[in-house]
């Protein structure tokens, strides 16, 4: 009888140990699953934000010219990563990546974005760094007397951005009431601008869409999409190429 009681106690202890181990393993599995889910949420946050930011203008009209914004459809699985000025400057100084400058209200950008994202997916590019410089840029106009006036002051970091991108930027020009070109004496980040950077060097860039597109409120056709896609793909591959030589 005593021996049976000891066996029962031992069996009871073993059952408790097994149950404890089972519960511990289940807790770890749940924790790992939660970590994976949180990681996925973090990964897609920028993707969903970007999709919503651009698609919310579908069907809306630009109040400045009464034209309807070009419709865009963007996948939630896109590779957009929102960045700030410091992130961009770091990449331009010694980083590697593809940077997209643009903003939702820009009709040219709305033509370019779906093509850029498709090119990124087809080449296996992990991310496209996105920065909306529209919010920090300065805005200048020519008054009736021909004087250049500033209607929006630049914000911190914009001048550093202009300096870092100087070699690829066009001059910031204005037009007076008579249609004459007025030079401001500084550069401008015209969008959409896609910059391809490798080891801190700008190896390529592309501004706008394709030369044959005249009206940005009319979506580019399949032939134009293919032309633009080929430009993006070619330059993305340059970024992805190994910088090693035979001695690596």
C-alpha atoms as a PDB file:
ATOM      1  CA  UNK A   1       0.000   0.000   0.000  1.00  0.00           C
ATOM      2  CA  UNK A   2       2.777   2.356   0.927  1.00  0.00           C
ATOM      3  CA  UNK A   3       4.513   1.597  -2.357  1.00  0.00           C
ATOM      4  CA  UNK A   4       1.295   2.399  -4.262  1.00  0.00           C
ATOM      5  CA  UNK A   5       0.980   5.757  -2.503  1.00  0.00           C
ATOM      6  CA  UNK A   6       4.558   6.644  -3.418  1.00  0.00           C
ATOM      7  CA  UNK A   7       3.843   5.724  -7.039  1.00  0.00           C
ATOM      8  CA  UNK A   8       0.708   7.869  -7.004  1.00  0.00           C
ATOM      9  CA  UNK A   9       2.683  10.801  -5.587  1.00  0.00           C
ATOM     10  CA  UNK A  10       5.405  10.402  -8.207  1.00  0.00           C
ATOM     11  CA  UNK A  11       2.823  10.171 -11.000  1.00  0.00           C
ATOM     12  CA  UNK A  12       1.072  13.243  -9.610  1.00  0.00           C
ATOM     13  CA  UNK A  13       4.359  15.167  -9.546  1.00  0.00           C
ATOM     14  CA  UNK A  14       5.148  14.110 -13.124  1.00  0.00           C
ATOM     15  CA  UNK A  15       1.689  15.202 -14.273  1.00  0.00           C
ATOM     16  CA  UNK A  16       2.167  18.586 -12.612  1.00  0.00           C
ATOM     17  CA  UNK A  17       5.591  18.955 -14.259  1.00  0.00           C
ATOM     18  CA  UNK A  18       4.195  18.012 -17.676  1.00  0.00           C
ATOM     19  CA  UNK A  19       1.294  20.438 -17.264  1.00  0.00           C
ATOM     20  CA  UNK A  20       3.666  23.196 -16.167  1.00  0.00           C
ATOM     21  CA  UNK A  21       5.940  22.587 -19.155  1.00  0.00           C
ATOM     22  CA  UNK A  22       2.946  22.514 -21.492  1.00  0.00           C
ATOM     23  CA  UNK A  23       1.638  25.798 -20.126  1.00  0.00           C
ATOM     24  CA  UNK A  24       5.121  27.345 -20.351  1.00  0.00           C
ATOM     25  CA  UNK A  25       5.492  26.235 -23.960  1.00  0.00           C
ATOM     26  CA  UNK A  26       2.027  27.538 -24.847  1.00  0.00           C
ATOM     27  CA  UNK A  27       2.816  30.904 -23.263  1.00  0.00           C
ATOM     28  CA  UNK A  28       6.064  31.151 -25.235  1.00  0.00           C
ATOM     29  CA  UNK A  29       4.265  30.237 -28.464  1.00  0.00           C
ATOM     30  CA  UNK A  30       1.619  32.903 -27.814  1.00  0.00           C
ATOM     31  CA  UNK A  31       4.285  35.495 -26.949  1.00  0.00           C
ATOM     32  CA  UNK A  32       6.223  34.698 -30.116  1.00  0.00           C
ATOM     33  CA  UNK A  33       3.018  34.905 -32.163  1.00  0.00           C
ATOM     34  CA  UNK A  34       2.220  38.289 -30.627  1.00  0.00           C
ATOM     35  CA  UNK A  35       5.747  39.496 -31.378  1.00  0.00           C
ATOM     36  CA  UNK A  36       5.394  38.347 -34.992  1.00  0.00           C
ATOM     37  CA  UNK A  37       1.999  40.040 -35.298  1.00  0.00           C
ATOM     38  CA  UNK A  38       3.359  43.258 -33.794  1.00  0.00           C
ATOM     39  CA  UNK A  39       6.316  43.096 -36.132  1.00  0.00           C
ATOM     40  CA  UNK A  40       4.007  42.673 -39.114  1.00  0.00           C
ATOM     41  CA  UNK A  41       1.869  45.588 -37.942  1.00  0.00           C
ATOM     42  CA  UNK A  42       4.952  47.760 -37.619  1.00  0.00           C
ATOM     43  CA  UNK A  43       6.088  46.710 -41.083  1.00  0.00           C
ATOM     44  CA  UNK A  44       2.801  47.511 -42.802  1.00  0.00           C
ATOM     45  CA  UNK A  45       2.007  50.713 -40.915  1.00  0.00           C
ATOM     46  CA  UNK A  46       3.828  52.914 -43.429  1.00  0.00           C
ATOM     47  CA  UNK A  47       2.382  50.889 -46.298  1.00  0.00           C
ATOM     48  CA  UNK A  48      -1.206  51.365 -45.176  1.00  0.00           C
ATOM     49  CA  UNK A  49      -0.617  55.023 -44.333  1.00  0.00           C
ATOM     50  CA  UNK A  50       0.797  55.672 -47.788  1.00  0.00           C
ATOM     51  CA  UNK A  51      -2.042  53.824 -49.511  1.00  0.00           C
ATOM     52  CA  UNK A  52      -4.672  55.800 -47.597  1.00  0.00           C
ATOM     53  CA  UNK A  53      -2.850  59.103 -48.069  1.00  0.00           C
ATOM     54  CA  UNK A  54      -2.810  58.792 -51.857  1.00  0.00           C
ATOM     55  CA  UNK A  55      -6.096  56.980 -52.443  1.00  0.00           C
ATOM     56  CA  UNK A  56      -8.172  59.409 -50.371  1.00  0.00           C
ATOM     57  CA  UNK A  57      -7.873  61.933 -53.216  1.00  0.00           C
ATOM     58  CA  UNK A  58      -9.428  59.544 -55.740  1.00  0.00           C
ATOM     59  CA  UNK A  59     -12.515  61.256 -57.166  1.00  0.00           C
ATOM     60  CA  UNK A  60     -11.603  64.577 -55.558  1.00  0.00           C
ATOM     61  CA  UNK A  61     -11.130  67.802 -57.532  1.00  0.00           C
ATOM     62  CA  UNK A  62      -8.144  70.135 -57.311  1.00  0.00           C
ATOM     63  CA  UNK A  63      -9.648  73.440 -56.172  1.00  0.00           C
ATOM     64  CA  UNK A  64      -6.928  75.403 -57.985  1.00  0.00           C
ATOM     65  CA  UNK A  65      -7.840  74.253 -61.492  1.00  0.00           C
ATOM     66  CA  UNK A  66     -11.065  72.248 -61.010  1.00  0.00           C
ATOM     67  CA  UNK A  67      -9.454  69.136 -62.473  1.00  0.00           C
ATOM     68  CA  UNK A  68     -10.050  65.707 -60.962  1.00  0.00           C
ATOM     69  CA  UNK A  69      -7.001  64.081 -59.403  1.00  0.00           C
ATOM     70  CA  UNK A  70      -5.735  61.026 -61.298  1.00  0.00           C
ATOM     71  CA  UNK A  71      -7.017  57.846 -59.676  1.00  0.00           C
ATOM     72  CA  UNK A  72      -4.430  55.600 -58.054  1.00  0.00           C
ATOM     73  CA  UNK A  73      -4.680  52.111 -56.604  1.00  0.00           C
ATOM     74  CA  UNK A  74      -1.910  51.123 -54.212  1.00  0.00           C
ATOM     75  CA  UNK A  75      -1.410  47.744 -52.583  1.00  0.00           C
ATOM     76  CA  UNK A  76      -1.227  47.473 -48.794  1.00  0.00           C
ATOM     77  CA  UNK A  77       1.879  45.358 -49.354  1.00  0.00           C
ATOM     78  CA  UNK A  78       3.856  48.237 -50.846  1.00  0.00           C
ATOM     79  CA  UNK A  79       7.443  48.871 -49.713  1.00  0.00           C
ATOM     80  CA  UNK A  80       7.145  52.545 -48.780  1.00  0.00           C
ATOM     81  CA  UNK A  81       9.014  53.719 -45.680  1.00  0.00           C
ATOM     82  CA  UNK A  82       8.320  57.215 -44.377  1.00  0.00           C
ATOM     83  CA  UNK A  83      11.464  59.153 -43.547  1.00  0.00           C
ATOM     84  CA  UNK A  84      12.463  62.555 -42.219  1.00  0.00           C
ATOM     85  CA  UNK A  85      15.119  65.036 -43.321  1.00  0.00           C
ATOM     86  CA  UNK A  86      17.801  63.482 -41.137  1.00  0.00           C
ATOM     87  CA  UNK A  87      17.118  60.007 -42.559  1.00  0.00           C
ATOM     88  CA  UNK A  88      17.453  61.341 -46.093  1.00  0.00           C
ATOM     89  CA  UNK A  89      20.651  63.230 -45.315  1.00  0.00           C
ATOM     90  CA  UNK A  90      22.159  60.100 -43.732  1.00  0.00           C
ATOM     91  CA  UNK A  91      21.415  58.054 -46.856  1.00  0.00           C
ATOM     92  CA  UNK A  92      22.840  60.753 -49.126  1.00  0.00           C
ATOM     93  CA  UNK A  93      25.969  60.975 -46.982  1.00  0.00           C
ATOM     94  CA  UNK A  94      26.966  57.321 -46.733  1.00  0.00           C
ATOM     95  CA  UNK A  95      23.921  55.118 -47.257  1.00  0.00           C
ATOM     96  CA  UNK A  96      22.345  53.057 -50.008  1.00  0.00           C
ATOM     97  CA  UNK A  97      18.749  53.129 -51.161  1.00  0.00           C
ATOM     98  CA  UNK A  98      16.026  54.515 -53.384  1.00  0.00           C
ATOM     99  CA  UNK A  99      14.426  57.781 -52.284  1.00  0.00           C
ATOM    100  CA  UNK A 100      11.119  59.085 -53.578  1.00  0.00           C
ATOM    101  CA  UNK A 101      10.253  62.770 -53.190  1.00  0.00           C
ATOM    102  CA  UNK A 102       6.629  63.638 -53.849  1.00  0.00           C
ATOM    103  CA  UNK A 103       3.240  64.380 -52.320  1.00  0.00           C
ATOM    104  CA  UNK A 104      -0.346  63.146 -52.842  1.00  0.00           C
ATOM    105  CA  UNK A 105      -1.719  66.299 -54.457  1.00  0.00           C
ATOM    106  CA  UNK A 106       0.933  66.247 -57.186  1.00  0.00           C
ATOM    107  CA  UNK A 107      -0.724  64.815 -60.352  1.00  0.00           C
ATOM    108  CA  UNK A 108       2.636  63.818 -61.840  1.00  0.00           C
ATOM    109  CA  UNK A 109       3.420  61.907 -58.630  1.00  0.00           C
ATOM    110  CA  UNK A 110       0.116  60.072 -58.809  1.00  0.00           C
ATOM    111  CA  UNK A 111       1.110  58.818 -62.252  1.00  0.00           C
ATOM    112  CA  UNK A 112       4.597  57.809 -61.140  1.00  0.00           C
ATOM    113  CA  UNK A 113       3.940  56.114 -57.790  1.00  0.00           C
ATOM    114  CA  UNK A 114       2.167  52.918 -58.980  1.00  0.00           C
ATOM    115  CA  UNK A 115       4.890  52.371 -61.587  1.00  0.00           C
ATOM    116  CA  UNK A 116       7.672  52.932 -59.053  1.00  0.00           C
ATOM    117  CA  UNK A 117       6.123  50.496 -56.580  1.00  0.00           C
ATOM    118  CA  UNK A 118       5.683  47.898 -59.321  1.00  0.00           C
ATOM    119  CA  UNK A 119       9.348  48.301 -60.296  1.00  0.00           C
ATOM    120  CA  UNK A 120      10.378  47.895 -56.664  1.00  0.00           C
ATOM    121  CA  UNK A 121       8.354  44.689 -56.327  1.00  0.00           C
ATOM    122  CA  UNK A 122       9.612  43.180 -59.585  1.00  0.00           C
ATOM    123  CA  UNK A 123      13.255  43.763 -58.589  1.00  0.00           C
ATOM    124  CA  UNK A 124      12.853  42.581 -55.008  1.00  0.00           C
ATOM    125  CA  UNK A 125      13.684  46.001 -53.574  1.00  0.00           C
ATOM    126  CA  UNK A 126      12.959  45.894 -49.857  1.00  0.00           C
ATOM    127  CA  UNK A 127      11.938  49.507 -49.367  1.00  0.00           C
ATOM    128  CA  UNK A 128      11.507  52.867 -51.026  1.00  0.00           C
ATOM    129  CA  UNK A 129      12.281  55.806 -48.740  1.00  0.00           C
ATOM    130  CA  UNK A 130       9.532  58.391 -48.996  1.00  0.00           C
ATOM    131  CA  UNK A 131       9.815  62.045 -48.092  1.00  0.00           C
ATOM    132  CA  UNK A 132       7.293  64.815 -48.675  1.00  0.00           C
ATOM    133  CA  UNK A 133       9.444  67.930 -48.998  1.00  0.00           C
ATOM    134  CA  UNK A 134       6.410  70.004 -49.874  1.00  0.00           C
ATOM    135  CA  UNK A 135       5.742  70.816 -46.227  1.00  0.00           C
ATOM    136  CA  UNK A 136       9.171  72.326 -45.543  1.00  0.00           C
ATOM    137  CA  UNK A 137      10.005  74.054 -48.822  1.00  0.00           C
ATOM    138  CA  UNK A 138       9.811  77.799 -49.346  1.00  0.00           C
ATOM    139  CA  UNK A 139       7.455  79.324 -51.895  1.00  0.00           C
ATOM    140  CA  UNK A 140       8.228  82.462 -53.870  1.00  0.00           C
ATOM    141  CA  UNK A 141       6.166  84.546 -56.267  1.00  0.00           C
ATOM    142  CA  UNK A 142       6.633  87.583 -58.490  1.00  0.00           C
ATOM    143  CA  UNK A 143       4.461  90.561 -57.566  1.00  0.00           C
ATOM    144  CA  UNK A 144       2.971  93.067 -60.026  1.00  0.00           C
ATOM    145  CA  UNK A 145       6.096  95.225 -59.756  1.00  0.00           C
ATOM    146  CA  UNK A 146       8.375  92.358 -60.749  1.00  0.00           C
ATOM    147  CA  UNK A 147       9.749  91.814 -57.245  1.00  0.00           C
ATOM    148  CA  UNK A 148      10.322  88.331 -55.846  1.00  0.00           C
ATOM    149  CA  UNK A 149       8.380  87.853 -52.640  1.00  0.00           C
ATOM    150  CA  UNK A 150       8.348  84.851 -50.314  1.00  0.00           C
ATOM    151  CA  UNK A 151       4.861  83.597 -49.466  1.00  0.00           C
ATOM    152  CA  UNK A 152       6.002  80.561 -47.482  1.00  0.00           C
ATOM    153  CA  UNK A 153       9.223  80.351 -45.509  1.00  0.00           C
ATOM    154  CA  UNK A 154      11.315  77.217 -45.592  1.00  0.00           C
ATOM    155  CA  UNK A 155      11.500  75.060 -42.490  1.00  0.00           C
ATOM    156  CA  UNK A 156      14.529  73.613 -40.746  1.00  0.00           C
ATOM    157  CA  UNK A 157      16.443  71.088 -42.813  1.00  0.00           C
ATOM    158  CA  UNK A 158      15.297  72.247 -46.226  1.00  0.00           C
ATOM    159  CA  UNK A 159      18.494  74.140 -46.987  1.00  0.00           C
ATOM    160  CA  UNK A 160      20.560  71.088 -46.006  1.00  0.00           C
ATOM    161  CA  UNK A 161      18.462  68.986 -48.348  1.00  0.00           C
ATOM    162  CA  UNK A 162      19.031  71.391 -51.230  1.00  0.00           C
ATOM    163  CA  UNK A 163      22.759  71.313 -50.578  1.00  0.00           C
ATOM    164  CA  UNK A 164      22.914  67.512 -50.501  1.00  0.00           C
ATOM    165  CA  UNK A 165      20.923  67.231 -53.746  1.00  0.00           C
ATOM    166  CA  UNK A 166      22.457  70.252 -55.473  1.00  0.00           C
ATOM    167  CA  UNK A 167      24.141  68.312 -58.285  1.00  0.00           C
ATOM    168  CA  UNK A 168      20.839  66.928 -59.622  1.00  0.00           C
ATOM    169  CA  UNK A 169      18.429  69.783 -58.961  1.00  0.00           C
ATOM    170  CA  UNK A 170      17.118  72.301 -61.496  1.00  0.00           C
ATOM    171  CA  UNK A 171      17.031  76.027 -60.905  1.00  0.00           C
ATOM    172  CA  UNK A 172      14.030  77.482 -59.121  1.00  0.00           C
ATOM    173  CA  UNK A 173      12.448  79.838 -61.637  1.00  0.00           C
ATOM    174  CA  UNK A 174       9.242  81.869 -61.555  1.00  0.00           C
ATOM    175  CA  UNK A 175       7.071  83.532 -64.185  1.00  0.00           C
ATOM    176  CA  UNK A 176       5.990  87.156 -64.025  1.00  0.00           C
ATOM    177  CA  UNK A 177       2.659  88.587 -65.199  1.00  0.00           C
ATOM    178  CA  UNK A 178       4.023  89.029 -68.729  1.00  0.00           C
ATOM    179  CA  UNK A 179       5.122  85.420 -68.977  1.00  0.00           C
ATOM    180  CA  UNK A 180       8.812  86.173 -68.534  1.00  0.00           C
ATOM    181  CA  UNK A 181      11.087  83.791 -66.635  1.00  0.00           C
ATOM    182  CA  UNK A 182      12.460  85.143 -63.364  1.00  0.00           C
ATOM    183  CA  UNK A 183      15.490  83.504 -61.746  1.00  0.00           C
ATOM    184  CA  UNK A 184      15.475  83.125 -57.956  1.00  0.00           C
ATOM    185  CA  UNK A 185      19.141  82.207 -57.647  1.00  0.00           C
ATOM    186  CA  UNK A 186      18.483  78.895 -55.906  1.00  0.00           C
ATOM    187  CA  UNK A 187      17.671  75.273 -56.722  1.00  0.00           C
ATOM    188  CA  UNK A 188      14.355  73.450 -56.371  1.00  0.00           C
ATOM    189  CA  UNK A 189      13.199  69.922 -55.578  1.00  0.00           C
ATOM    190  CA  UNK A 190      10.719  69.391 -58.395  1.00  0.00           C
ATOM    191  CA  UNK A 191       8.635  66.236 -58.012  1.00  0.00           C
ATOM    192  CA  UNK A 192       8.190  63.408 -58.569  1.00  0.00           C
ATOM    193  CA  UNK A 193      11.891  62.916 -58.013  1.00  0.00           C
ATOM    194  CA  UNK A 194      13.371  59.456 -57.491  1.00  0.00           C
ATOM    195  CA  UNK A 195      16.992  59.375 -56.354  1.00  0.00           C
ATOM    196  CA  UNK A 196      19.115  56.237 -56.519  1.00  0.00           C
ATOM    197  CA  UNK A 197      21.933  56.213 -53.958  1.00  0.00           C
ATOM    198  CA  UNK A 198      24.755  53.731 -53.453  1.00  0.00           C
ATOM    199  CA  UNK A 199      27.368  54.060 -50.701  1.00  0.00           C
ATOM    200  CA  UNK A 200      26.562  57.732 -50.247  1.00  0.00           C
ATOM    201  CA  UNK A 201      26.774  58.599 -53.948  1.00  0.00           C
ATOM    202  CA  UNK A 202      23.879  59.543 -56.211  1.00  0.00           C
ATOM    203  CA  UNK A 203      24.316  57.132 -59.105  1.00  0.00           C
ATOM    204  CA  UNK A 204      21.099  58.075 -60.927  1.00  0.00           C
ATOM    205  CA  UNK A 205      17.912  60.091 -60.602  1.00  0.00           C
ATOM    206  CA  UNK A 206      14.685  60.547 -62.499  1.00  0.00           C
ATOM    207  CA  UNK A 207      12.315  63.493 -62.330  1.00  0.00           C
ATOM    208  CA  UNK A 208       8.788  63.517 -63.692  1.00  0.00           C
ATOM    209  CA  UNK A 209       7.276  60.644 -65.656  1.00  0.00           C
ATOM    210  CA  UNK A 210       7.994  60.313 -69.399  1.00  0.00           C
ATOM    211  CA  UNK A 211       8.537  62.992 -72.031  1.00  0.00           C
ATOM    212  CA  UNK A 212       5.462  61.994 -73.996  1.00  0.00           C
ATOM    213  CA  UNK A 213       3.105  62.789 -71.123  1.00  0.00           C
ATOM    214  CA  UNK A 214       1.760  66.308 -71.514  1.00  0.00           C
ATOM    215  CA  UNK A 215      -1.193  66.435 -69.125  1.00  0.00           C
ATOM    216  CA  UNK A 216      -0.567  64.901 -65.678  1.00  0.00           C
ATOM    217  CA  UNK A 217      -4.315  64.742 -65.040  1.00  0.00           C
ATOM    218  CA  UNK A 218      -4.587  62.145 -67.803  1.00  0.00           C
ATOM    219  CA  UNK A 219      -3.119  58.865 -66.606  1.00  0.00           C
ATOM    220  CA  UNK A 220      -0.210  57.516 -68.609  1.00  0.00           C
ATOM    221  CA  UNK A 221      -1.047  54.644 -70.958  1.00  0.00           C
ATOM    222  CA  UNK A 222       0.414  51.133 -70.883  1.00  0.00           C
ATOM    223  CA  UNK A 223       3.227  51.989 -73.277  1.00  0.00           C
ATOM    224  CA  UNK A 224       4.229  54.986 -71.168  1.00  0.00           C
ATOM    225  CA  UNK A 225       4.024  52.898 -67.999  1.00  0.00           C
ATOM    226  CA  UNK A 226       6.391  50.352 -69.523  1.00  0.00           C
ATOM    227  CA  UNK A 227       8.833  53.103 -70.506  1.00  0.00           C
ATOM    228  CA  UNK A 228       8.814  54.572 -67.004  1.00  0.00           C
ATOM    229  CA  UNK A 229       9.001  51.140 -65.391  1.00  0.00           C
ATOM    230  CA  UNK A 230      12.099  50.293 -67.417  1.00  0.00           C
ATOM    231  CA  UNK A 231      13.783  53.503 -66.214  1.00  0.00           C
ATOM    232  CA  UNK A 232      13.065  52.681 -62.591  1.00  0.00           C
ATOM    233  CA  UNK A 233      14.059  49.024 -62.908  1.00  0.00           C
ATOM    234  CA  UNK A 234      17.344  49.840 -64.625  1.00  0.00           C
ATOM    235  CA  UNK A 235      18.337  52.277 -61.889  1.00  0.00           C
ATOM    236  CA  UNK A 236      17.140  50.075 -59.023  1.00  0.00           C
ATOM    237  CA  UNK A 237      19.379  47.307 -60.329  1.00  0.00           C
ATOM    238  CA  UNK A 238      22.323  49.709 -60.251  1.00  0.00           C
ATOM    239  CA  UNK A 239      21.667  50.233 -56.550  1.00  0.00           C
ATOM    240  CA  UNK A 240      21.401  46.487 -55.980  1.00  0.00           C
ATOM    241  CA  UNK A 241      24.624  45.608 -57.829  1.00  0.00           C
ATOM    242  CA  UNK A 242      27.441  44.411 -55.625  1.00  0.00           C
ATOM    243  CA  UNK A 243      30.186  46.949 -55.051  1.00  0.00           C
ATOM    244  CA  UNK A 244      32.723  44.169 -54.462  1.00  0.00           C
ATOM    245  CA  UNK A 245      35.527  43.441 -56.871  1.00  0.00           C
ATOM    246  CA  UNK A 246      37.268  40.117 -57.400  1.00  0.00           C
ATOM    247  CA  UNK A 247      39.132  40.502 -54.104  1.00  0.00           C
ATOM    248  CA  UNK A 248      35.969  40.519 -51.946  1.00  0.00           C
END
